[in-house]
Amino acid sequence: MAAENEMLRDLIHGWLYDPSADRDAIAAALPDDADDPRGLVRSCLERARAGREPGVHLDERFEMSHLRGRYPDERLNFCVPGEYDPAEPMGLLVLLHGGGSDTPREAAQKWFANDGGYPFGDVLADMPCITVAPGNLLLPTHKRWSNPQSDAYVLAVIEEASYRYNIDPDRVCIAGQSMGGFGACHIVQTIGDRFATVGCHAGAWYYGFWEGLRGVDFYLMQGVNDFVPGRRPRFTEVAFARMASAILSGFHIPHTYSEHQGGHSFADPLARDCFLQFLHYAPGRRRDPFPPEVATCSHKGAFRLYESPHWFWLTVGRTHYGTVEMDHIEPTEPQPSYCTTDFRHYTVRVPGGTVRARNHGDNRISLETRNVEELTVWLSREMVDLERPVRVVINGEVMYDGLARPSLAAALQSYDRRRDPGMLFDARLDFDIRRNDWALQKRFAPPR
């Protein structure tokens, strides 16, 4: 039995950490009757928490081998409070620095200074959570936090922090300033389900599937005087934040909007005080990884739309041809410049599919889809009673009514989505809801 258990753990470890592993072969070798598959996956996660000292640790490299191979040159900066106890889980705050396409990795260290543009060093040292400030990937764009590569990188930063320290996966928060605020407007839409709260100061966005933020805590901060004629363009104009808040309010989605009379930089006392309020707020937030109502779009992003299949307990697979509606904000000039003077909001039709889903709490789940041909519903014991039949209704039609079988493969596959031990699932239900266009055409064809 001990040999069998060791072999099983080797299989799981290979799935989790070996990029060259044959996933199909591992899945075929996994037992069908593993007890507590989620607990087994968590027990196989790599941890090296002993000997970690409190204090500020700058210019760190990734230690996990699979991440070090992917990000050999990236740098992490940690601030660990003196009260940290490796035996007790603690929250994590990820801070995204500002800048542009030529901003060096070292810019992230400014978060732990006590002067200059990020005067929060003493405050972060006294926070009841661990803070990590990663240097961003050196991409040729001033939207370096707003793309799929940076999404994967942020998730890797969280995984590395959880390897070093005892992190509560439901108390992970993130916040960004300027270019990092761009990233916050992007991340809250694409991987916002990973965080207890997402804070954005002096950010911007062009596209928004804001309806999808049900279950996500979004904290918007903005200075009225971010734009300074002749000195600072309207690149992060207050209109972006006001419009996002108005749209969220229109969808009746709870969020925080904090507007101050200051400017763009944290060197401004009003901007600094506004962000300090967020720093006091964030450690008390806790994520619900299994919210009863979720909505998602297959393609999301603040500046460009990327494939974004996973969201809480849904995964959108293949989508049908067609478009969905999304909010859009843009400059009004025919040829906008960096110093553009005004903006307008309207909705645009973009390729993609949407899913709106509700867990009714009685082993009954309903979904409404648009342009979606394949999707997955992930199930946990917190969501349904797996000892009883689960009924799934899609677009008014009963698509499943039976037992949902827990499996170790499902738990591992759910971990792959976000590398998130707090949002693991016991079972998965896959649906093919492709329309038979030829049958529909014949059905509605006029009689001969």
Protein backbone atom coordinates (compact mmCIF):
# COMPACT_ATOMS: atom_id res chain seq x y z
CA MET A 1 0.00 0.00 0.00
CA ALA A 2 2.83 2.42 0.84
CA ALA A 3 4.42 1.75 -2.57
CA GLU A 4 1.09 2.38 -4.30
CA ASN A 5 0.63 5.65 -2.43
CA GLU A 6 4.15 6.75 -3.35
CA MET A 7 3.51 5.90 -6.98
CA LEU A 8 0.28 7.87 -6.95
CA ARG A 9 1.99 10.89 -5.44
CA ASP A 10 4.70 10.66 -8.10
CA LEU A 11 2.02 10.69 -10.80
CA ILE A 12 0.37 13.75 -9.27
CA HIS A 13 3.70 15.53 -8.85
CA GLY A 14 4.56 14.84 -12.49
CA TRP A 15 1.24 16.34 -13.58
CA LEU A 16 1.77 19.41 -11.42
CA TYR A 17 5.42 20.20 -12.14
CA ASP A 18 6.81 18.34 -15.15
CA PRO A 19 6.15 20.35 -18.35
CA SER A 20 7.09 17.32 -20.47
CA ALA A 21 4.76 14.90 -18.67
CA ASP A 22 2.27 12.89 -20.73
CA ARG A 23 -1.00 14.11 -19.22
CA ASP A 24 -3.11 11.52 -21.05
CA ALA A 25 -0.95 8.69 -19.73
CA ILE A 26 -1.09 10.09 -16.20
CA ALA A 27 -4.88 10.50 -16.36
CA ALA A 28 -5.25 6.89 -17.53
CA ALA A 29 -3.13 5.69 -14.60
CA LEU A 30 -5.01 7.64 -11.92
CA PRO A 31 -7.38 5.62 -9.69
CA ASP A 32 -11.12 6.09 -10.12
CA ASP A 33 -11.91 5.95 -6.43
CA ALA A 34 -9.42 8.32 -4.74
CA ASP A 35 -10.67 9.63 -1.41
CA ASP A 36 -10.77 13.43 -1.16
CA PRO A 37 -9.17 14.22 -4.54
CA ARG A 38 -8.83 17.93 -3.75
CA GLY A 39 -7.06 17.23 -0.46
CA LEU A 40 -4.73 14.81 -2.22
CA VAL A 41 -3.78 17.43 -4.81
CA ARG A 42 -3.12 20.02 -2.11
CA SER A 43 -0.95 17.57 -0.18
CA CYS A 44 1.29 17.14 -3.23
CA LEU A 45 1.98 20.84 -3.77
CA GLU A 46 5.61 21.80 -3.26
CA ARG A 47 6.35 23.90 -0.18
CA ALA A 48 9.60 25.27 1.26
CA ARG A 49 8.52 27.53 4.11
CA ALA A 50 11.12 26.75 6.74
CA GLY A 51 13.78 29.33 7.52
CA ARG A 52 12.05 32.30 5.91
CA GLU A 53 12.92 35.48 7.75
CA PRO A 54 10.67 38.53 8.15
CA GLY A 55 11.68 41.84 6.63
CA VAL A 56 12.18 43.23 3.14
CA HIS A 57 13.82 40.93 0.58
CA LEU A 58 14.68 42.67 -2.68
CA ASP A 59 15.80 41.34 -6.05
CA GLU A 60 14.74 37.74 -5.43
CA ARG A 61 14.53 35.16 -8.23
CA PHE A 62 11.99 32.38 -8.67
CA GLU A 63 12.94 29.29 -6.68
CA MET A 64 10.40 26.77 -8.01
CA SER A 65 12.16 24.91 -10.81
CA HIS A 66 9.30 25.00 -13.33
CA LEU A 67 8.90 28.75 -12.78
CA ARG A 68 12.62 29.52 -12.70
CA GLY A 69 12.95 27.87 -16.09
CA ARG A 70 10.12 30.00 -17.47
CA TYR A 71 11.20 33.29 -15.84
CA PRO A 72 14.97 33.09 -15.30
CA ASP A 73 15.52 36.86 -15.27
CA GLU A 74 12.41 38.14 -13.52
CA ARG A 75 12.75 39.69 -10.07
CA LEU A 76 10.50 39.60 -7.03
CA ASN A 77 10.53 41.82 -3.97
CA PHE A 78 8.94 40.67 -0.71
CA CYS A 79 7.95 42.37 2.51
CA VAL A 80 7.20 39.93 5.33
CA PRO A 81 5.79 41.33 8.59
CA GLY A 82 7.45 40.41 11.85
CA GLU A 83 4.25 38.73 13.07
CA TYR A 84 4.32 36.15 10.27
CA ASP A 85 4.05 32.60 11.63
CA PRO A 86 4.65 29.80 9.09
CA ALA A 87 2.10 27.69 10.96
CA GLU A 88 -0.69 30.22 10.32
CA PRO A 89 -1.95 31.15 6.85
CA MET A 90 -1.61 34.84 5.99
CA GLY A 91 -2.95 37.06 3.24
CA LEU A 92 -0.90 38.19 0.24
CA LEU A 93 -0.89 41.57 -1.48
CA VAL A 94 0.53 41.81 -5.02
CA LEU A 95 1.56 45.31 -6.11
CA LEU A 96 1.93 46.28 -9.78
CA HIS A 97 4.25 49.21 -10.48
CA GLY A 98 3.71 51.96 -13.03
CA GLY A 99 5.91 53.19 -15.83
CA GLY A 100 6.11 52.49 -19.54
CA SER A 101 7.74 50.30 -22.14
CA ASP A 102 11.24 51.27 -20.98
CA THR A 103 10.65 50.99 -17.22
CA PRO A 104 13.29 48.67 -15.66
CA ARG A 105 12.47 45.70 -13.46
CA GLU A 106 13.97 47.55 -10.48
CA ALA A 107 11.00 49.96 -10.49
CA ALA A 108 9.05 47.47 -8.37
CA GLN A 109 11.41 48.07 -5.43
CA LYS A 110 10.02 51.59 -5.09
CA TRP A 111 6.96 50.15 -3.34
CA PHE A 112 9.12 49.47 -0.28
CA ALA A 113 10.75 52.88 -0.10
CA ASN A 114 9.59 55.67 2.20
CA ASP A 115 10.08 58.55 -0.19
CA GLY A 116 9.71 59.33 -3.86
CA GLY A 117 6.76 58.14 -5.92
CA TYR A 118 5.80 55.15 -3.73
CA PRO A 119 6.19 56.24 -0.10
CA PHE A 120 4.66 53.15 1.52
CA GLY A 121 7.62 51.22 2.93
CA ASP A 122 6.78 51.62 6.63
CA VAL A 123 3.08 51.07 5.99
CA LEU A 124 3.65 47.81 4.10
CA ALA A 125 6.02 46.58 6.82
CA ASP A 126 3.19 46.90 9.35
CA MET A 127 0.52 45.31 7.15
CA PRO A 128 -1.09 42.12 8.50
CA CYS A 129 -0.20 40.36 5.25
CA ILE A 130 2.81 39.54 3.09
CA THR A 131 3.48 41.88 0.16
CA VAL A 132 5.15 40.98 -3.12
CA ALA A 133 6.09 43.54 -5.77
CA PRO A 134 7.22 41.83 -8.97
CA GLY A 135 9.17 43.55 -11.71
CA ASN A 136 7.16 43.29 -14.90
CA LEU A 137 8.05 41.34 -18.01
CA LEU A 138 10.10 43.49 -20.38
CA LEU A 139 7.55 43.68 -23.18
CA PRO A 140 7.64 46.37 -25.92
CA THR A 141 4.50 48.16 -24.76
CA HIS A 142 3.38 50.58 -22.05
CA LYS A 143 0.55 48.11 -21.29
CA ARG A 144 2.91 45.52 -19.87
CA TRP A 145 0.45 44.26 -17.22
CA SER A 146 -2.44 43.93 -19.70
CA ASN A 147 -1.96 40.78 -21.78
CA PRO A 148 -2.07 36.97 -21.45
CA GLN A 149 1.68 36.75 -20.77
CA SER A 150 1.41 39.07 -17.77
CA ASP A 151 -1.69 37.21 -16.52
CA ALA A 152 0.31 33.97 -16.47
CA TYR A 153 3.21 35.79 -14.83
CA VAL A 154 1.03 37.22 -12.04
CA LEU A 155 -0.35 33.74 -11.33
CA ALA A 156 3.23 32.44 -11.23
CA VAL A 157 4.18 35.16 -8.73
CA ILE A 158 1.34 34.03 -6.47
CA GLU A 159 2.39 30.39 -6.81
CA GLU A 160 5.99 31.26 -5.90
CA ALA A 161 4.87 33.31 -2.88
CA SER A 162 2.70 30.39 -1.73
CA TYR A 163 5.69 28.06 -2.07
CA ARG A 164 7.77 30.27 0.24
CA TYR A 165 5.10 31.36 2.70
CA ASN A 166 1.87 30.03 4.17
CA ILE A 167 -0.59 32.00 2.03
CA ASP A 168 -4.35 31.78 2.43
CA PRO A 169 -5.50 31.34 -1.21
CA ASP A 170 -8.76 33.17 -0.50
CA ARG A 171 -6.99 36.26 0.90
CA VAL A 172 -4.85 37.17 -2.11
CA CYS A 173 -5.25 40.82 -3.14
CA ILE A 174 -3.75 42.84 -5.98
CA ALA A 175 -3.43 46.54 -6.76
CA GLY A 176 -1.80 48.60 -9.48
CA GLN A 177 -0.77 52.21 -10.10
CA SER A 178 -0.66 53.92 -13.53
CA MET A 179 0.60 51.18 -15.91
CA GLY A 180 -0.24 48.86 -13.03
CA GLY A 181 -3.68 50.49 -12.96
CA PHE A 182 -4.06 49.58 -16.64
CA GLY A 183 -3.20 46.05 -15.54
CA ALA A 184 -5.76 46.13 -12.74
CA CYS A 185 -8.53 47.06 -15.21
CA HIS A 186 -7.40 44.14 -17.36
CA ILE A 187 -6.74 41.59 -14.62
CA VAL A 188 -10.04 42.19 -12.83
CA GLN A 189 -11.76 40.99 -16.01
CA THR A 190 -9.46 38.13 -17.05
CA ILE A 191 -8.24 36.54 -13.79
CA GLY A 192 -10.23 38.56 -11.24
CA ASP A 193 -11.67 35.36 -9.78
CA ARG A 194 -8.23 34.70 -8.23
CA PHE A 195 -8.39 37.71 -5.88
CA ALA A 196 -10.17 38.83 -2.75
CA THR A 197 -10.02 42.39 -4.08
CA VAL A 198 -8.51 44.20 -7.06
CA GLY A 199 -7.39 47.80 -6.52
CA CYS A 200 -6.81 50.25 -9.35
CA HIS A 201 -5.32 53.74 -8.95
CA ALA A 202 -4.91 56.00 -12.00
CA GLY A 203 -5.70 53.32 -14.55
CA ALA A 204 -7.58 53.16 -17.83
CA TRP A 205 -9.46 50.76 -20.11
CA TYR A 206 -10.91 50.61 -23.63
CA TYR A 207 -12.99 47.41 -23.40
CA GLY A 208 -15.03 46.14 -20.49
CA PHE A 209 -17.21 43.12 -19.83
CA TRP A 210 -18.17 44.72 -16.55
CA GLU A 211 -21.22 42.51 -16.07
CA GLY A 212 -18.77 39.68 -15.41
CA LEU A 213 -17.57 41.24 -12.14
CA ARG A 214 -20.33 39.65 -10.08
CA GLY A 215 -18.51 37.94 -7.22
CA VAL A 216 -15.36 40.07 -7.67
CA ASP A 217 -14.42 42.96 -5.37
CA PHE A 218 -13.20 45.96 -7.40
CA TYR A 219 -11.78 49.07 -5.69
CA LEU A 220 -11.38 52.02 -8.10
CA MET A 221 -9.27 55.04 -7.07
CA GLN A 222 -8.80 58.11 -9.20
CA GLY A 223 -7.58 61.71 -8.94
CA VAL A 224 -9.67 64.44 -10.51
CA ASN A 225 -6.49 66.30 -11.44
CA ASP A 226 -4.69 63.34 -13.01
CA PHE A 227 -4.55 65.40 -16.20
CA VAL A 228 -2.37 68.51 -15.99
CA PRO A 229 -2.40 70.74 -19.12
CA GLY A 230 1.08 70.99 -20.60
CA ARG A 231 2.53 68.53 -18.08
CA ARG A 232 0.53 65.29 -18.01
CA PRO A 233 -1.70 64.08 -20.86
CA ARG A 234 -5.15 62.53 -20.44
CA PHE A 235 -3.68 59.04 -20.65
CA THR A 236 -5.32 58.11 -17.32
CA GLU A 237 -8.12 60.66 -17.39
CA VAL A 238 -10.75 60.51 -14.63
CA ALA A 239 -13.36 59.68 -17.29
CA PHE A 240 -12.13 56.08 -17.44
CA ALA A 241 -12.76 55.44 -13.73
CA ARG A 242 -16.05 57.36 -13.62
CA MET A 243 -17.42 55.45 -16.57
CA ALA A 244 -16.40 52.05 -15.19
CA SER A 245 -18.06 52.88 -11.87
CA ALA A 246 -21.23 54.08 -13.62
CA ILE A 247 -21.49 50.90 -15.69
CA LEU A 248 -20.91 48.68 -12.64
CA SER A 249 -23.63 50.60 -10.81
CA GLY A 250 -25.94 50.10 -13.78
CA PHE A 251 -25.47 46.34 -13.44
CA HIS A 252 -26.05 46.66 -9.64
CA ILE A 253 -22.60 45.20 -9.00
CA PRO A 254 -21.13 46.27 -5.63
CA HIS A 255 -17.77 48.00 -5.89
CA THR A 256 -15.85 50.89 -4.31
CA TYR A 257 -15.17 54.13 -6.12
CA SER A 258 -12.89 56.59 -4.32
CA GLU A 259 -12.28 59.87 -6.12
CA HIS A 260 -9.87 62.43 -4.70
CA GLN A 261 -8.92 65.97 -5.70
CA GLY A 262 -5.28 65.10 -6.19
CA GLY A 263 -3.17 64.09 -9.15
CA HIS A 264 -1.63 61.03 -10.72
CA SER A 265 1.40 60.28 -8.56
CA PHE A 266 1.54 59.00 -5.00
CA ALA A 267 3.85 61.92 -4.32
CA ASP A 268 0.59 63.87 -4.17
CA PRO A 269 -0.65 63.64 -0.53
CA LEU A 270 -4.26 63.22 -1.62
CA ALA A 271 -3.39 60.33 -3.94
CA ARG A 272 -1.28 58.76 -1.22
CA ASP A 273 -4.06 59.05 1.37
CA CYS A 274 -6.53 57.49 -1.03
CA PHE A 275 -4.27 54.48 -1.60
CA LEU A 276 -3.61 54.18 2.13
CA GLN A 277 -7.35 53.67 2.62
CA PHE A 278 -7.16 50.76 0.20
CA LEU A 279 -4.18 49.30 2.07
CA HIS A 280 -6.22 49.34 5.28
CA TYR A 281 -9.19 47.81 3.47
CA ALA A 282 -7.54 44.98 1.51
CA PRO A 283 -6.32 42.68 4.33
CA GLY A 284 -9.87 42.24 5.60
CA ARG A 285 -11.22 40.99 2.29
CA ARG A 286 -11.89 37.31 1.64
CA ARG A 287 -12.81 35.69 -1.66
CA ASP A 288 -15.76 33.39 -2.20
CA PRO A 289 -14.30 30.92 -4.75
CA PHE A 290 -17.74 29.44 -5.49
CA PRO A 291 -20.19 32.37 -5.88
CA PRO A 292 -23.78 31.39 -6.70
CA GLU A 293 -24.09 33.72 -9.70
CA VAL A 294 -21.43 34.24 -12.37
CA ALA A 295 -21.23 35.68 -15.86
CA THR A 296 -18.35 35.48 -18.30
CA CYS A 297 -17.32 36.16 -21.87
CA SER A 298 -15.02 34.00 -23.95
CA HIS A 299 -12.84 36.99 -24.87
CA LYS A 300 -11.84 39.73 -22.43
CA GLY A 301 -9.19 42.37 -21.84
CA ALA A 302 -8.95 46.07 -21.10
CA PHE A 303 -7.16 47.14 -24.32
CA ARG A 304 -7.27 44.12 -26.60
CA LEU A 305 -9.58 41.14 -26.35
CA TYR A 306 -7.93 37.81 -25.66
CA GLU A 307 -9.27 34.30 -25.19
CA SER A 308 -10.27 34.07 -21.55
CA PRO A 309 -12.00 30.70 -21.08
CA HIS A 310 -11.96 30.24 -17.28
CA TRP A 311 -14.06 32.07 -14.73
CA PHE A 312 -14.91 30.73 -11.27
CA TRP A 313 -16.80 27.46 -11.88
CA LEU A 314 -17.19 27.88 -15.64
CA THR A 315 -14.95 27.21 -18.62
CA VAL A 316 -16.05 28.37 -22.07
CA GLY A 317 -14.76 26.13 -24.85
CA ARG A 318 -15.64 26.42 -28.51
CA THR A 319 -17.77 29.40 -29.53
CA HIS A 320 -20.11 29.79 -32.50
CA TYR A 321 -19.80 32.53 -35.09
CA GLY A 322 -21.55 35.66 -33.93
CA THR A 323 -20.94 38.65 -31.70
CA VAL A 324 -21.65 39.81 -28.17
CA GLU A 325 -22.02 43.27 -26.68
CA MET A 326 -19.22 44.90 -24.71
CA ASP A 327 -18.63 48.35 -23.24
CA HIS A 328 -16.11 50.53 -25.03
CA ILE A 329 -14.55 53.91 -24.30
CA GLU A 330 -12.43 55.82 -26.78
CA PRO A 331 -11.16 59.31 -27.62
CA THR A 332 -13.53 61.40 -29.73
CA GLU A 333 -10.97 62.81 -32.18
CA PRO A 334 -10.74 61.13 -35.60
CA GLN A 335 -6.97 60.88 -35.07
CA PRO A 336 -6.53 60.83 -31.28
CA SER A 337 -3.23 61.90 -29.77
CA TYR A 338 -1.55 61.21 -26.47
CA CYS A 339 -3.01 64.54 -25.29
CA THR A 340 -6.57 63.79 -26.41
CA THR A 341 -9.21 66.05 -24.92
CA ASP A 342 -12.40 64.05 -24.60
CA PHE A 343 -13.86 60.54 -24.53
CA ARG A 344 -17.09 58.83 -25.40
CA HIS A 345 -18.69 55.60 -24.26
CA TYR A 346 -20.74 53.22 -26.34
CA THR A 347 -21.23 49.49 -26.73
CA VAL A 348 -19.59 47.50 -29.50
CA ARG A 349 -20.26 44.10 -31.00
CA VAL A 350 -17.23 41.82 -30.76
CA PRO A 351 -16.71 38.14 -31.71
CA GLY A 352 -17.19 35.78 -28.81
CA GLY A 353 -19.64 33.97 -26.57
CA THR A 354 -21.15 34.60 -23.15
CA VAL A 355 -22.45 32.46 -20.31
CA ARG A 356 -24.61 33.62 -17.42
CA ALA A 357 -25.02 30.97 -14.73
CA ARG A 358 -26.75 30.53 -11.40
CA ASN A 359 -26.38 27.88 -8.72
CA HIS A 360 -29.82 27.72 -7.13
CA GLY A 361 -28.55 25.93 -4.02
CA ASP A 362 -30.67 22.78 -4.35
CA ASN A 363 -28.43 20.77 -6.70
CA ARG A 364 -29.92 22.74 -9.58
CA ILE A 365 -27.82 24.90 -11.88
CA SER A 366 -29.11 26.97 -14.78
CA LEU A 367 -27.17 28.62 -17.59
CA GLU A 368 -27.99 30.98 -20.43
CA THR A 369 -25.51 31.08 -23.30
CA ARG A 370 -24.89 33.06 -26.44
CA ASN A 371 -22.69 31.80 -29.28
CA VAL A 372 -21.27 29.02 -27.10
CA GLU A 373 -20.91 25.49 -28.47
CA GLU A 374 -18.92 23.79 -25.70
CA LEU A 375 -18.57 24.55 -22.01
CA THR A 376 -17.61 22.96 -18.71
CA VAL A 377 -19.34 23.32 -15.35
CA TRP A 378 -17.00 22.59 -12.45
CA LEU A 379 -18.54 21.29 -9.21
CA SER A 380 -17.33 21.29 -5.62
CA ARG A 381 -18.84 19.97 -2.42
CA GLU A 382 -19.37 23.58 -1.35
CA MET A 383 -21.67 24.07 -4.35
CA VAL A 384 -23.71 20.85 -4.51
CA ASP A 385 -24.35 17.61 -2.65
CA LEU A 386 -22.38 15.13 -4.70
CA GLU A 387 -24.29 12.24 -3.13
CA ARG A 388 -27.45 13.41 -4.89
CA PRO A 389 -28.27 13.95 -8.58
CA VAL A 390 -27.31 17.30 -10.05
CA ARG A 391 -29.61 18.93 -12.60
CA VAL A 392 -28.13 21.31 -15.16
CA VAL A 393 -30.46 23.34 -17.36
CA ILE A 394 -28.94 25.17 -20.35
CA ASN A 395 -31.04 27.63 -22.31
CA GLY A 396 -34.20 26.15 -20.82
CA GLU A 397 -33.36 22.54 -21.67
CA VAL A 398 -32.36 19.88 -19.13
CA MET A 399 -28.89 18.83 -20.27
CA TYR A 400 -27.86 16.73 -17.28
CA ASP A 401 -29.71 15.07 -14.41
CA GLY A 402 -27.61 12.58 -12.52
CA LEU A 403 -24.74 12.04 -10.15
CA ALA A 404 -21.56 14.07 -10.70
CA ARG A 405 -18.67 11.73 -10.12
CA PRO A 406 -15.69 13.12 -8.16
CA SER A 407 -12.33 12.30 -9.69
CA LEU A 408 -8.68 12.98 -9.11
CA ALA A 409 -8.28 13.93 -12.77
CA ALA A 410 -10.95 16.61 -12.41
CA ALA A 411 -9.22 18.05 -9.34
CA LEU A 412 -5.89 18.20 -11.19
CA GLN A 413 -7.47 19.70 -14.30
CA SER A 414 -9.18 22.35 -12.19
CA TYR A 415 -5.85 23.26 -10.58
CA ASP A 416 -4.36 23.81 -14.02
CA ARG A 417 -6.78 26.64 -14.69
CA ARG A 418 -5.31 29.11 -12.16
CA ARG A 419 -2.73 27.05 -10.18
CA ASP A 420 -5.03 27.96 -7.30
CA PRO A 421 -5.38 25.53 -4.34
CA GLY A 422 -8.35 27.52 -3.06
CA MET A 423 -10.46 27.00 -6.18
CA LEU A 424 -10.20 23.27 -6.76
CA PHE A 425 -13.18 21.21 -7.89
CA ASP A 426 -14.26 17.63 -7.24
CA ALA A 427 -16.01 16.97 -10.53
CA ARG A 428 -16.59 18.39 -13.99
CA LEU A 429 -19.50 18.22 -16.41
CA ASP A 430 -18.71 18.86 -20.08
CA PHE A 431 -21.41 19.97 -22.48
CA ASP A 432 -21.60 20.09 -26.26
CA ILE A 433 -24.44 22.45 -27.12
CA ARG A 434 -23.66 23.03 -30.78
CA ARG A 435 -26.64 24.03 -32.84
CA ASN A 436 -27.62 21.92 -35.82
CA ASP A 437 -28.02 24.78 -38.27
CA TRP A 438 -29.18 22.49 -41.05
CA ALA A 439 -31.94 21.05 -38.88
CA LEU A 440 -33.01 24.53 -37.85
CA GLN A 441 -33.06 25.63 -41.46
CA LYS A 442 -35.31 22.72 -42.40
CA ARG A 443 -37.53 23.34 -39.38
CA PHE A 444 -38.28 26.92 -40.34
CA ALA A 445 -38.27 26.48 -44.10
CA PRO A 446 -41.60 27.34 -45.77
CA PRO A 447 -43.63 24.32 -46.92
CA ARG A 448 -43.31 23.37 -50.56
